[in-house]
Protein backbone atom coordinates (compact mmCIF):
# COMPACT_ATOMS: atom_id res chain seq x y z
CA MET A 1 -1.10 -5.99 0.87
CA PHE A 2 -3.41 -8.67 -0.52
CA HIS A 3 -1.16 -11.48 0.70
CA ARG A 4 -1.07 -9.92 4.14
CA LEU A 5 -4.88 -9.77 4.11
CA TRP A 6 -5.04 -13.43 3.04
CA PHE A 7 -2.64 -14.35 5.86
CA CYS A 8 -5.00 -12.66 8.30
CA LEU A 9 -7.94 -14.47 6.68
CA TRP A 10 -6.22 -17.83 7.15
CA HIS A 11 -5.80 -17.22 10.85
CA LEU A 12 -9.36 -15.99 11.19
CA VAL A 13 -10.64 -19.16 9.54
CA GLY A 14 -8.52 -21.26 11.87
CA VAL A 15 -9.77 -19.57 15.04
CA PHE A 16 -13.45 -20.49 15.08
CA SER A 17 -13.25 -20.96 18.86
CA ASP A 18 -12.52 -17.25 19.39
CA ASP A 19 -15.85 -15.44 19.72
CA LYS A 20 -14.29 -12.13 18.68
CA LEU A 21 -13.05 -13.37 15.31
CA LYS A 22 -15.56 -14.92 12.93
CA THR A 23 -15.28 -15.94 9.29
CA VAL A 24 -18.27 -15.92 6.96
CA ILE A 25 -18.20 -17.47 3.46
CA VAL A 26 -21.09 -16.47 1.22
CA MET A 27 -21.94 -17.07 -2.42
CA GLU A 28 -22.44 -14.01 -4.59
CA ASP A 29 -26.09 -12.83 -4.84
CA ASP A 30 -26.99 -14.52 -1.53
CA SER A 31 -27.94 -12.71 1.67
CA PHE A 32 -26.34 -13.12 5.06
CA THR A 33 -26.94 -11.86 8.60
CA LEU A 34 -24.00 -10.77 10.75
CA ASN A 35 -25.19 -11.47 14.29
CA SER A 36 -24.53 -9.08 17.14
CA ASP A 37 -24.87 -12.01 19.60
CA LEU A 38 -27.46 -10.03 21.54
CA THR A 39 -30.84 -11.64 22.14
CA GLU A 40 -32.37 -8.26 22.92
CA MET A 41 -30.92 -4.77 23.23
CA ARG A 42 -31.34 -3.00 26.56
CA ASP A 43 -32.50 0.57 27.08
CA ASP A 44 -28.94 1.92 27.36
CA ASP A 45 -27.35 -0.17 24.56
CA GLN A 46 -25.56 1.28 21.56
CA ILE A 47 -24.53 -0.66 18.44
CA HIS A 48 -22.11 0.47 15.72
CA TRP A 49 -21.41 -1.50 12.51
CA ARG A 50 -18.34 -0.65 10.43
CA PHE A 51 -16.95 -1.88 7.13
CA GLY A 52 -13.24 -1.23 7.48
CA LYS A 53 -13.15 2.33 8.84
CA TYR A 54 -16.55 3.32 7.40
CA LEU A 55 -19.63 3.51 9.62
CA LEU A 56 -22.47 1.47 8.07
CA ALA A 57 -25.19 1.46 10.72
CA GLU A 58 -25.88 2.35 14.33
CA ILE A 59 -28.56 1.97 16.97
CA ASN A 60 -28.79 4.16 20.07
CA LYS A 61 -31.42 2.98 22.49
CA ARG A 62 -30.91 6.01 24.74
CA THR A 63 -32.10 8.34 21.99
CA ASP A 64 -34.32 5.68 20.39
CA SER A 65 -32.62 6.15 17.02
CA MET A 66 -31.55 3.74 14.28
CA THR A 67 -29.58 4.84 11.20
CA VAL A 68 -28.21 3.03 8.14
CA TYR A 69 -25.47 4.73 6.11
CA ASP A 70 -25.73 2.81 2.86
CA ASP A 71 -24.41 5.62 0.65
CA VAL A 72 -20.79 5.26 1.79
CA LEU A 73 -18.14 3.96 -0.62
CA ASP A 74 -19.94 5.22 -3.72
CA GLY A 75 -23.20 3.59 -2.66
CA ARG A 76 -22.05 -0.04 -2.87
CA PHE A 77 -24.36 -0.88 0.07
CA ARG A 78 -27.34 1.14 -1.16
CA ASN A 79 -30.63 -0.69 -0.47
CA ARG A 80 -28.73 -3.76 0.71
CA LEU A 81 -28.54 -3.23 4.49
CA LYS A 82 -31.21 -4.28 7.00
CA LEU A 83 -30.68 -3.52 10.70
CA ASN A 84 -32.61 -5.44 13.36
CA ASN A 85 -33.83 -3.00 15.98
CA GLN A 86 -34.30 -5.76 18.57
CA THR A 87 -30.95 -7.53 18.36
CA GLY A 88 -28.73 -5.09 16.47
CA SER A 89 -27.84 -7.74 13.87
CA LEU A 90 -27.02 -6.56 10.34
CA THR A 91 -28.25 -8.29 7.17
CA ILE A 92 -26.59 -7.72 3.81
CA THR A 93 -28.76 -8.64 0.83
CA ASN A 94 -27.77 -9.45 -2.76
CA ILE A 95 -24.09 -9.66 -1.80
CA LYS A 96 -21.45 -8.91 -4.44
CA MET A 97 -17.70 -9.47 -4.58
CA LYS A 98 -17.09 -5.83 -3.58
CA HIS A 99 -18.79 -6.46 -0.23
CA GLY A 100 -16.07 -8.86 0.89
CA GLY A 101 -13.84 -7.64 3.71
CA PHE A 102 -13.75 -6.88 7.43
CA TYR A 103 -16.89 -5.91 9.37
CA THR A 104 -16.85 -4.84 13.01
CA VAL A 105 -19.75 -4.64 15.43
CA GLU A 106 -19.22 -2.62 18.60
CA ASN A 107 -21.38 -2.14 21.64
CA LEU A 108 -20.71 -0.79 25.12
CA ASN A 109 -19.15 -4.04 26.37
CA THR A 110 -17.39 -5.74 23.48
CA SER A 111 -16.59 -5.84 19.77
CA VAL A 112 -16.60 -8.65 17.21
CA ILE A 113 -14.80 -8.77 13.85
CA PHE A 114 -16.25 -10.61 10.86
CA MET A 115 -14.27 -11.53 7.75
CA LEU A 116 -16.76 -11.83 4.89
CA ILE A 117 -15.52 -13.91 1.93
CA VAL A 118 -17.60 -13.83 -1.25
CA TYR A 119 -17.19 -16.38 -4.04
CA ASP A 120 -18.84 -16.41 -7.44
CA GLU A 121 -18.14 -19.82 -8.98
CA VAL A 122 -19.48 -23.16 -7.84
CA THR A 123 -18.67 -26.57 -9.30
CA SER A 124 -21.74 -28.82 -9.20
CA VAL A 125 -21.09 -32.49 -8.51
CA SER A 126 -23.77 -35.20 -8.62
CA VAL A 127 -23.00 -38.65 -7.22
CA LYS A 128 -25.00 -41.81 -6.58
CA GLU A 129 -25.50 -42.85 -2.97
CA GLY A 130 -22.94 -45.44 -1.91
CA ASP A 131 -20.35 -44.32 -4.47
CA SER A 132 -17.20 -42.26 -3.88
CA VAL A 133 -16.43 -38.78 -5.18
CA THR A 134 -13.21 -36.77 -5.32
CA LEU A 135 -13.26 -32.99 -5.01
CA ASN A 136 -10.18 -31.87 -6.91
CA SER A 137 -7.98 -29.05 -5.65
CA ASP A 138 -6.53 -28.49 -9.16
CA LEU A 139 -3.05 -28.59 -7.62
CA THR A 140 -0.51 -30.96 -9.17
CA GLU A 141 1.62 -30.89 -6.05
CA ILE A 142 1.41 -29.15 -2.69
CA MET A 143 4.34 -26.82 -2.04
CA ASP A 144 5.96 -26.29 1.35
CA ASP A 145 4.10 -23.03 1.95
CA ASP A 146 0.66 -24.31 0.91
CA GLN A 147 -2.01 -24.47 3.60
CA ILE A 148 -5.12 -26.40 2.61
CA LEU A 149 -8.41 -26.16 4.46
CA TRP A 150 -11.66 -27.99 3.60
CA LEU A 151 -14.93 -26.63 5.00
CA PHE A 152 -18.44 -28.11 4.83
CA GLY A 153 -21.92 -26.70 5.16
CA SER A 154 -23.44 -23.35 5.98
CA GLU A 155 -21.53 -23.23 9.27
CA ASN A 156 -18.19 -23.70 7.48
CA THR A 157 -17.21 -26.69 9.63
CA ILE A 158 -13.58 -27.77 9.17
CA ILE A 159 -13.44 -31.39 7.95
CA ALA A 160 -9.81 -31.65 6.70
CA GLU A 161 -6.60 -29.62 6.55
CA ILE A 162 -2.99 -29.72 5.44
CA ASN A 163 -0.45 -27.26 6.83
CA LEU A 164 3.28 -26.92 7.40
CA ILE A 165 3.17 -29.24 10.40
CA ASN A 166 0.87 -32.09 9.39
CA ASP A 167 -2.28 -33.14 7.58
CA SER A 168 -5.40 -34.18 9.44
CA ILE A 169 -8.96 -35.42 8.94
CA CYS A 170 -11.67 -34.02 11.21
CA ASP A 171 -14.29 -36.71 10.56
CA ASP A 172 -15.85 -36.74 14.04
CA VAL A 173 -17.57 -33.39 13.53
CA LEU A 174 -21.30 -33.05 12.82
CA ASP A 175 -22.25 -36.15 14.82
CA GLY A 176 -19.66 -38.26 12.98
CA ARG A 177 -21.40 -38.21 9.59
CA PHE A 178 -17.98 -38.22 7.88
CA ARG A 179 -16.38 -40.86 10.14
CA ASP A 180 -14.12 -43.22 8.14
CA ARG A 181 -15.39 -41.71 4.86
CA LEU A 182 -12.79 -39.00 4.14
CA LYS A 183 -9.47 -39.45 2.33
CA LEU A 184 -7.11 -36.49 1.94
CA ASP A 185 -4.46 -36.60 -0.77
CA ASN A 186 -1.36 -35.11 0.84
CA GLN A 187 0.23 -34.61 -2.58
CA THR A 188 -2.53 -32.54 -4.18
CA GLY A 189 -4.87 -31.62 -1.32
CA SER A 190 -7.85 -33.20 -3.10
CA LEU A 191 -10.56 -34.65 -0.86
CA THR A 192 -12.36 -37.96 -1.46
CA ILE A 193 -15.65 -38.88 0.20
CA THR A 194 -16.32 -42.61 0.21
CA ASN A 195 -19.62 -44.48 0.62
CA ILE A 196 -21.44 -41.18 0.29
CA THR A 197 -24.98 -40.69 1.62
CA THR A 198 -27.59 -37.94 1.39
CA GLN A 199 -26.20 -36.58 4.69
CA HIS A 200 -23.16 -35.42 2.74
CA THR A 201 -25.17 -33.25 0.37
CA GLY A 202 -24.18 -29.60 0.59
CA ALA A 203 -21.49 -26.99 0.00
CA TYR A 204 -17.76 -27.77 0.26
CA ILE A 205 -15.21 -24.96 0.33
CA LEU A 206 -11.48 -25.36 -0.36
CA ILE A 207 -9.18 -22.58 0.82
CA ASN A 208 -5.46 -22.41 0.09
CA GLY A 209 -4.04 -20.08 2.72
CA ALA A 210 -0.68 -19.58 1.00
CA LYS A 211 -2.27 -18.38 -2.25
CA PRO A 212 -5.30 -16.14 -2.82
CA SER A 213 -7.52 -19.02 -3.97
CA LEU A 214 -10.88 -20.45 -3.02
CA LYS A 215 -12.88 -23.24 -4.68
CA ALA A 216 -16.50 -24.07 -3.99
CA PHE A 217 -18.36 -27.31 -4.72
CA ARG A 218 -22.05 -28.11 -4.50
CA VAL A 219 -22.45 -31.86 -3.96
CA SER A 220 -25.82 -33.52 -4.53
CA VAL A 221 -26.43 -37.19 -3.75
CA TYR A 222 -29.14 -39.17 -5.51
CA TYR A 223 -30.55 -42.63 -4.82
CA SER A 224 -30.60 -44.85 -7.89
CA VAL A 225 -33.13 -47.68 -8.22
CA HIS A 226 -32.78 -48.24 -11.95
CA CYS A 227 -31.12 -51.63 -11.53
CA CYS A 228 -33.78 -52.90 -9.18
CA ASP A 229 -36.54 -51.51 -11.39
CA SER A 230 -35.12 -53.37 -14.39
CA VAL A 231 -34.96 -56.65 -12.48
CA GLU A 232 -38.46 -56.13 -11.19
CA ALA A 233 -39.71 -55.41 -14.69
CA VAL A 234 -38.15 -58.63 -16.00
CA ILE A 235 -39.70 -60.62 -13.15
CA ARG A 236 -43.10 -59.11 -13.84
CA LEU A 237 -42.76 -59.87 -17.54
CA VAL A 238 -41.86 -63.51 -16.83
CA LEU A 239 -44.72 -63.86 -14.34
CA SER A 240 -47.13 -62.32 -16.83
CA ALA A 241 -45.96 -64.75 -19.47
CA LEU A 242 -46.34 -67.67 -17.10
CA VAL A 243 -49.80 -66.52 -16.10
CA GLY A 244 -50.69 -66.16 -19.77
CA VAL A 245 -49.47 -69.66 -20.56
CA ALA A 246 -51.32 -71.10 -17.57
CA ALA A 247 -54.53 -69.31 -18.58
CA ALA A 248 -54.22 -70.54 -22.17
CA ALA A 249 -53.62 -74.08 -20.94
CA ALA A 250 -56.69 -73.87 -18.72
CA VAL A 251 -58.83 -72.72 -21.67
CA ILE A 252 -57.54 -75.55 -23.85
CA VAL A 253 -58.33 -78.11 -21.14
CA LEU A 254 -61.81 -76.62 -20.65
CA VAL A 255 -62.58 -76.70 -24.38
CA TYR A 256 -61.30 -80.27 -24.65
CA ASP A 257 -63.46 -81.32 -21.68
CA ILE A 258 -66.58 -79.74 -23.18
CA ARG A 259 -66.01 -81.37 -26.57
CA SER A 260 -65.40 -84.76 -24.93
CA LYS A 261 -68.67 -84.56 -23.02
CA ARG A 262 -70.59 -83.61 -26.17
CA ALA A 263 -69.04 -86.53 -28.06
CA GLU A 264 -70.10 -88.93 -25.32
CA GLN A 265 -73.66 -87.62 -25.41
CA ASP A 266 -73.87 -87.94 -29.20
CA PHE A 267 -72.59 -91.46 -28.99
């Protein structure tokens, strides 16, 4: 059953262009809003939110009612649901692993399915601007049934993938910030970012569609000026020394000149 669910998840992740299937990846303890895609509910609109088969929340504009059922499933959603009366969007706060799964929003005209994936471990990576960094998949070798997907940022933008057919780099996304900077190891699925800049700071998610596995990385990029500061310090020290020598020489000359004039007067 779990593998079948993961197979569905893989296809949901791969179909971002389908407005009726959306994948959301959230870190545990964060909050997230599942959008109804309505800018404003009309007087005759009705919204129903479900988690699996369980009704979580509903709005009925005809009767001017709004209800949240956060006691379902042994109260796992208790005090965690916020329903927007204007748009019908649903916010889940302080998300836990048990909140992962399928959510459906239904109104009079359409329905949208969300697959909420919750992860609880993040590997922090710090790298100097201009350097390269490799995000390791922890795979020694990709098997024939492995399907690797790399996502970036809060919008879960696909930047690289390996599947049964081929491997590909999607470096033209996000205004080309990754262009010519990504290297995908087709043996292990690890991803290398070269000549990294602060634009590449953020969350990276690795999903293996053939196995129930997900890895998350938080990459931070810092600008190092230690080398330049050291050189500058040395230059300042040398200049200070030179200025000191010049000042001392000037004092010696001045003293010598004064003594010479006094000697002439005495003579």
